[in-house]
Amino acid sequence: MGPLREAPETDIVFAVLPGIAAGVVVYLVIAVMGTGFFSNAAFFGGGFAAIVLSALLASIFTTPLPPVGSATVTKTATPAPTPAPAAAPAAAPVETANADGKPELLSAPRDGGADDLKKISGVGPKLEEELNAAGVYHYDQIANWTAAEVAWADENLIKFKGRISRDDWVGQAKTLMQG
């Protein structure tokens, strides 16, 4: 029922109509079974079925879904071995990692220019601008983040909490560094 979840006010219509249809079916079954089309049993049975099924379907189809990304997923996979680091190019002035978990941030990209952070799934042009403004320009910066640095970046650099872990930016950055 994907699209119906986006407009709950229309969901009630789609929930009540099947209930009413079920009530009509119950009415016809009772009427045909021998009590007659205008009997109290047919009217009450059909009406009761319509009310109960409409209420049941309405409660199912109009219950809001949790927001996207609200569930927490814990990955237990073992990390891939880290390849030997290549000779690092001359670095721009650096803020080193702090005891509070703040990752290495640069005041400018290194001599070769900034990496295309949009190649990391979950990073678009706007988020890349925000990361660059904060001092994150290169894959190796993200690839070397510890769990504490990921938590700090989630809290301080981006608006969508949990995105860095959920989209595995560290793993993606390591892959992008290799090739």
C-alpha atoms as a PDB file:
ATOM      1  CA  MET A   1       0.000   0.000   0.000  1.00  0.00           C
ATOM      2  CA  GLY A   2       2.989   2.327  -0.626  1.00  0.00           C
ATOM      3  CA  PRO A   3       1.397   5.467  -2.137  1.00  0.00           C
ATOM      4  CA  LEU A   4      -1.604   5.310   0.181  1.00  0.00           C
ATOM      5  CA  ARG A   5       0.690   5.824   3.178  1.00  0.00           C
ATOM      6  CA  GLU A   6       1.670   9.274   1.880  1.00  0.00           C
ATOM      7  CA  ALA A   7      -1.864  10.698   2.140  1.00  0.00           C
ATOM      8  CA  PRO A   8      -3.602   9.260   5.238  1.00  0.00           C
ATOM      9  CA  GLU A   9      -6.801  11.226   4.576  1.00  0.00           C
ATOM     10  CA  THR A  10      -7.365   9.150   1.422  1.00  0.00           C
ATOM     11  CA  ASP A  11      -6.501   5.911   3.193  1.00  0.00           C
ATOM     12  CA  ILE A  12      -9.727   6.018   5.190  1.00  0.00           C
ATOM     13  CA  VAL A  13     -11.754   5.947   1.959  1.00  0.00           C
ATOM     14  CA  PHE A  14      -9.847   2.913   0.696  1.00  0.00           C
ATOM     15  CA  ALA A  15     -10.248   1.244   4.084  1.00  0.00           C
ATOM     16  CA  VAL A  16     -14.001   1.886   4.470  1.00  0.00           C
ATOM     17  CA  LEU A  17     -15.045   0.959   0.929  1.00  0.00           C
ATOM     18  CA  PRO A  18     -13.911  -2.688   1.212  1.00  0.00           C
ATOM     19  CA  GLY A  19     -15.668  -2.884   4.593  1.00  0.00           C
ATOM     20  CA  ILE A  20     -18.909  -1.671   3.082  1.00  0.00           C
ATOM     21  CA  ALA A  21     -18.491  -4.090   0.177  1.00  0.00           C
ATOM     22  CA  ALA A  22     -17.979  -6.931   2.662  1.00  0.00           C
ATOM     23  CA  GLY A  23     -21.133  -5.833   4.493  1.00  0.00           C
ATOM     24  CA  VAL A  24     -23.106  -5.975   1.248  1.00  0.00           C
ATOM     25  CA  VAL A  25     -21.750  -9.475   0.575  1.00  0.00           C
ATOM     26  CA  VAL A  26     -22.767 -10.619   4.077  1.00  0.00           C
ATOM     27  CA  TYR A  27     -26.226  -9.073   3.579  1.00  0.00           C
ATOM     28  CA  LEU A  28     -26.672 -10.914   0.260  1.00  0.00           C
ATOM     29  CA  VAL A  29     -25.451 -14.219   1.709  1.00  0.00           C
ATOM     30  CA  ILE A  30     -27.851 -14.010   4.653  1.00  0.00           C
ATOM     31  CA  ALA A  31     -30.699 -12.924   2.391  1.00  0.00           C
ATOM     32  CA  VAL A  32     -30.104 -15.709  -0.125  1.00  0.00           C
ATOM     33  CA  MET A  33     -29.721 -18.332   2.607  1.00  0.00           C
ATOM     34  CA  GLY A  34     -33.389 -18.051   3.285  1.00  0.00           C
ATOM     35  CA  THR A  35     -34.230 -15.174   5.607  1.00  0.00           C
ATOM     36  CA  GLY A  36     -35.253 -12.819   2.778  1.00  0.00           C
ATOM     37  CA  PHE A  37     -33.882  -9.590   1.420  1.00  0.00           C
ATOM     38  CA  PHE A  38     -35.712  -7.380   3.900  1.00  0.00           C
ATOM     39  CA  SER A  39     -35.178  -9.408   7.060  1.00  0.00           C
ATOM     40  CA  ASN A  40     -33.643  -7.981  10.232  1.00  0.00           C
ATOM     41  CA  ALA A  41     -30.961 -10.696  10.219  1.00  0.00           C
ATOM     42  CA  ALA A  42     -29.760  -9.672   6.755  1.00  0.00           C
ATOM     43  CA  PHE A  43     -29.689  -5.961   7.611  1.00  0.00           C
ATOM     44  CA  PHE A  44     -28.030  -6.370  10.998  1.00  0.00           C
ATOM     45  CA  GLY A  45     -25.550  -9.017   9.823  1.00  0.00           C
ATOM     46  CA  GLY A  46     -24.516  -6.958   6.794  1.00  0.00           C
ATOM     47  CA  GLY A  47     -24.343  -3.743   8.799  1.00  0.00           C
ATOM     48  CA  PHE A  48     -22.316  -5.366  11.569  1.00  0.00           C
ATOM     49  CA  ALA A  49     -19.861  -6.840   9.049  1.00  0.00           C
ATOM     50  CA  ALA A  50     -19.516  -3.474   7.290  1.00  0.00           C
ATOM     51  CA  ILE A  51     -18.804  -1.609  10.556  1.00  0.00           C
ATOM     52  CA  VAL A  52     -16.363  -4.150  11.966  1.00  0.00           C
ATOM     53  CA  LEU A  53     -14.413  -4.650   8.746  1.00  0.00           C
ATOM     54  CA  SER A  54     -14.347  -0.913   7.969  1.00  0.00           C
ATOM     55  CA  ALA A  55     -12.985  -0.145  11.444  1.00  0.00           C
ATOM     56  CA  LEU A  56     -10.405  -2.928  11.179  1.00  0.00           C
ATOM     57  CA  LEU A  57      -9.222  -1.888   7.720  1.00  0.00           C
ATOM     58  CA  ALA A  58      -9.214   1.799   8.668  1.00  0.00           C
ATOM     59  CA  SER A  59      -6.993   1.103  11.665  1.00  0.00           C
ATOM     60  CA  ILE A  60      -4.594  -0.917   9.510  1.00  0.00           C
ATOM     61  CA  PHE A  61      -4.366   1.470   6.554  1.00  0.00           C
ATOM     62  CA  THR A  62      -4.256   4.732   8.487  1.00  0.00           C
ATOM     63  CA  THR A  63      -1.607   3.736  11.036  1.00  0.00           C
ATOM     64  CA  PRO A  64       1.407   5.962  10.319  1.00  0.00           C
ATOM     65  CA  LEU A  65       4.654   4.285   9.402  1.00  0.00           C
ATOM     66  CA  PRO A  66       7.816   5.129  11.343  1.00  0.00           C
ATOM     67  CA  PRO A  67      10.074   7.702   9.669  1.00  0.00           C
ATOM     68  CA  VAL A  68      12.608   6.392   7.190  1.00  0.00           C
ATOM     69  CA  GLY A  69      15.866   5.590   8.912  1.00  0.00           C
ATOM     70  CA  SER A  70      14.444   5.461  12.434  1.00  0.00           C
ATOM     71  CA  ALA A  71      15.344   1.802  12.867  1.00  0.00           C
ATOM     72  CA  THR A  72      18.844   1.073  14.090  1.00  0.00           C
ATOM     73  CA  VAL A  73      20.860  -1.590  12.347  1.00  0.00           C
ATOM     74  CA  THR A  74      24.027  -2.972  13.872  1.00  0.00           C
ATOM     75  CA  LYS A  75      26.579  -4.421  11.508  1.00  0.00           C
ATOM     76  CA  THR A  76      28.704  -7.224  12.898  1.00  0.00           C
ATOM     77  CA  ALA A  77      30.860  -7.901   9.848  1.00  0.00           C
ATOM     78  CA  THR A  78      34.586  -7.980  10.384  1.00  0.00           C
ATOM     79  CA  PRO A  79      36.369  -5.081   8.717  1.00  0.00           C
ATOM     80  CA  ALA A  80      38.472  -5.757   5.664  1.00  0.00           C
ATOM     81  CA  PRO A  81      42.218  -5.498   6.178  1.00  0.00           C
ATOM     82  CA  THR A  82      43.468  -1.980   5.602  1.00  0.00           C
ATOM     83  CA  PRO A  83      45.936  -1.740   2.697  1.00  0.00           C
ATOM     84  CA  ALA A  84      49.324  -0.224   3.368  1.00  0.00           C
ATOM     85  CA  PRO A  85      49.043   3.546   3.036  1.00  0.00           C
ATOM     86  CA  ALA A  86      50.683   5.143   0.030  1.00  0.00           C
ATOM     87  CA  ALA A  87      53.024   8.056   0.464  1.00  0.00           C
ATOM     88  CA  ALA A  88      50.856  10.968   1.552  1.00  0.00           C
ATOM     89  CA  PRO A  89      51.016  14.129  -0.560  1.00  0.00           C
ATOM     90  CA  ALA A  90      51.892  17.375   1.133  1.00  0.00           C
ATOM     91  CA  ALA A  91      49.010  18.199   3.425  1.00  0.00           C
ATOM     92  CA  ALA A  92      47.298  21.498   3.957  1.00  0.00           C
ATOM     93  CA  PRO A  93      47.231  22.850   7.507  1.00  0.00           C
ATOM     94  CA  VAL A  94      45.494  20.280   9.655  1.00  0.00           C
ATOM     95  CA  GLU A  95      43.391  20.283  12.778  1.00  0.00           C
ATOM     96  CA  THR A  96      44.257  17.012  14.497  1.00  0.00           C
ATOM     97  CA  ALA A  97      41.737  14.680  16.101  1.00  0.00           C
ATOM     98  CA  ASN A  98      40.645  15.834  19.548  1.00  0.00           C
ATOM     99  CA  ALA A  99      39.897  13.843  22.659  1.00  0.00           C
ATOM    100  CA  ASP A 100      36.188  14.619  22.101  1.00  0.00           C
ATOM    101  CA  GLY A 101      36.179  12.460  18.951  1.00  0.00           C
ATOM    102  CA  LYS A 102      36.483  15.306  16.443  1.00  0.00           C
ATOM    103  CA  PRO A 103      38.060  13.903  13.246  1.00  0.00           C
ATOM    104  CA  GLU A 104      40.931  15.387  11.279  1.00  0.00           C
ATOM    105  CA  LEU A 105      39.668  18.490   9.478  1.00  0.00           C
ATOM    106  CA  LEU A 106      41.596  20.479   6.893  1.00  0.00           C
ATOM    107  CA  SER A 107      41.485  24.214   6.324  1.00  0.00           C
ATOM    108  CA  ALA A 108      41.792  23.640   2.550  1.00  0.00           C
ATOM    109  CA  PRO A 109      42.051  20.687   0.148  1.00  0.00           C
ATOM    110  CA  ARG A 110      45.484  19.219  -0.483  1.00  0.00           C
ATOM    111  CA  ASP A 111      47.525  20.198  -3.536  1.00  0.00           C
ATOM    112  CA  GLY A 112      45.772  17.725  -5.867  1.00  0.00           C
ATOM    113  CA  GLY A 113      42.399  19.300  -5.064  1.00  0.00           C
ATOM    114  CA  ALA A 114      39.386  17.888  -3.255  1.00  0.00           C
ATOM    115  CA  ASP A 115      38.095  14.392  -3.952  1.00  0.00           C
ATOM    116  CA  ASP A 116      34.595  14.002  -5.421  1.00  0.00           C
ATOM    117  CA  LEU A 117      32.774  13.096  -2.202  1.00  0.00           C
ATOM    118  CA  LYS A 118      29.530  12.732  -4.198  1.00  0.00           C
ATOM    119  CA  LYS A 119      30.828   9.290  -5.257  1.00  0.00           C
ATOM    120  CA  ILE A 120      30.022   8.159  -1.699  1.00  0.00           C
ATOM    121  CA  SER A 121      26.451   6.871  -1.639  1.00  0.00           C
ATOM    122  CA  GLY A 122      24.348   9.251   0.429  1.00  0.00           C
ATOM    123  CA  VAL A 123      26.450  12.348  -0.337  1.00  0.00           C
ATOM    124  CA  GLY A 124      24.908  14.779  -2.796  1.00  0.00           C
ATOM    125  CA  PRO A 125      26.105  18.197  -3.962  1.00  0.00           C
ATOM    126  CA  LYS A 126      24.670  20.047  -0.945  1.00  0.00           C
ATOM    127  CA  LEU A 127      26.142  17.623   1.584  1.00  0.00           C
ATOM    128  CA  GLU A 128      29.498  17.699  -0.214  1.00  0.00           C
ATOM    129  CA  GLU A 129      29.513  21.508   0.134  1.00  0.00           C
ATOM    130  CA  GLU A 130      28.744  21.192   3.855  1.00  0.00           C
ATOM    131  CA  LEU A 131      31.509  18.617   4.342  1.00  0.00           C
ATOM    132  CA  ASN A 132      34.010  20.789   2.449  1.00  0.00           C
ATOM    133  CA  ALA A 133      33.023  23.856   4.494  1.00  0.00           C
ATOM    134  CA  ALA A 134      33.640  21.829   7.672  1.00  0.00           C
ATOM    135  CA  GLY A 135      37.093  20.694   6.457  1.00  0.00           C
ATOM    136  CA  VAL A 136      36.405  17.276   4.937  1.00  0.00           C
ATOM    137  CA  TYR A 137      37.756  17.130   1.374  1.00  0.00           C
ATOM    138  CA  HIS A 138      39.324  13.724   0.849  1.00  0.00           C
ATOM    139  CA  TYR A 139      38.394  10.039   0.932  1.00  0.00           C
ATOM    140  CA  ASP A 140      41.289   9.223   3.252  1.00  0.00           C
ATOM    141  CA  GLN A 141      39.922  11.617   5.875  1.00  0.00           C
ATOM    142  CA  ILE A 142      36.633   9.686   5.972  1.00  0.00           C
ATOM    143  CA  ALA A 143      38.286   6.266   5.522  1.00  0.00           C
ATOM    144  CA  ASN A 144      40.364   6.821   8.675  1.00  0.00           C
ATOM    145  CA  TRP A 145      37.456   7.854  10.905  1.00  0.00           C
ATOM    146  CA  THR A 146      37.127   5.861  14.126  1.00  0.00           C
ATOM    147  CA  ALA A 147      33.762   5.017  15.683  1.00  0.00           C
ATOM    148  CA  ALA A 148      34.107   8.073  17.950  1.00  0.00           C
ATOM    149  CA  GLU A 149      34.853  10.301  14.962  1.00  0.00           C
ATOM    150  CA  VAL A 150      31.872   8.904  13.046  1.00  0.00           C
ATOM    151  CA  ALA A 151      29.667   9.683  16.060  1.00  0.00           C
ATOM    152  CA  TRP A 152      31.096  13.217  16.260  1.00  0.00           C
ATOM    153  CA  ALA A 153      30.571  13.788  12.512  1.00  0.00           C
ATOM    154  CA  ASP A 154      26.992  12.463  12.762  1.00  0.00           C
ATOM    155  CA  GLU A 155      26.256  14.955  15.523  1.00  0.00           C
ATOM    156  CA  ASN A 156      28.107  17.972  14.152  1.00  0.00           C
ATOM    157  CA  LEU A 157      28.565  17.762  10.381  1.00  0.00           C
ATOM    158  CA  ILE A 158      25.366  16.413   8.864  1.00  0.00           C
ATOM    159  CA  LYS A 159      21.667  16.802   9.546  1.00  0.00           C
ATOM    160  CA  PHE A 160      20.659  13.163   9.033  1.00  0.00           C
ATOM    161  CA  LYS A 161      21.870  11.439  12.180  1.00  0.00           C
ATOM    162  CA  GLY A 162      23.113   7.901  11.596  1.00  0.00           C
ATOM    163  CA  ARG A 163      23.620   8.375   7.863  1.00  0.00           C
ATOM    164  CA  ILE A 164      27.403   7.913   8.002  1.00  0.00           C
ATOM    165  CA  SER A 165      27.113   4.472   9.616  1.00  0.00           C
ATOM    166  CA  ARG A 166      23.937   3.473   7.773  1.00  0.00           C
ATOM    167  CA  ASP A 167      25.479   4.239   4.357  1.00  0.00           C
ATOM    168  CA  ASP A 168      28.944   2.951   5.455  1.00  0.00           C
ATOM    169  CA  TRP A 169      30.834   6.055   4.346  1.00  0.00           C
ATOM    170  CA  VAL A 170      34.053   4.780   5.910  1.00  0.00           C
ATOM    171  CA  GLY A 171      33.946   1.538   3.902  1.00  0.00           C
ATOM    172  CA  GLN A 172      32.961   3.349   0.717  1.00  0.00           C
ATOM    173  CA  ALA A 173      35.788   5.868   1.170  1.00  0.00           C
ATOM    174  CA  LYS A 174      38.293   3.020   1.636  1.00  0.00           C
ATOM    175  CA  THR A 175      37.068   1.425  -1.602  1.00  0.00           C
ATOM    176  CA  LEU A 176      37.258   4.737  -3.481  1.00  0.00           C
ATOM    177  CA  MET A 177      40.825   5.291  -2.242  1.00  0.00           C
ATOM    178  CA  GLN A 178      41.890   1.974  -3.796  1.00  0.00           C
ATOM    179  CA  GLY A 179      40.577   2.561  -7.228  1.00  0.00           C
END
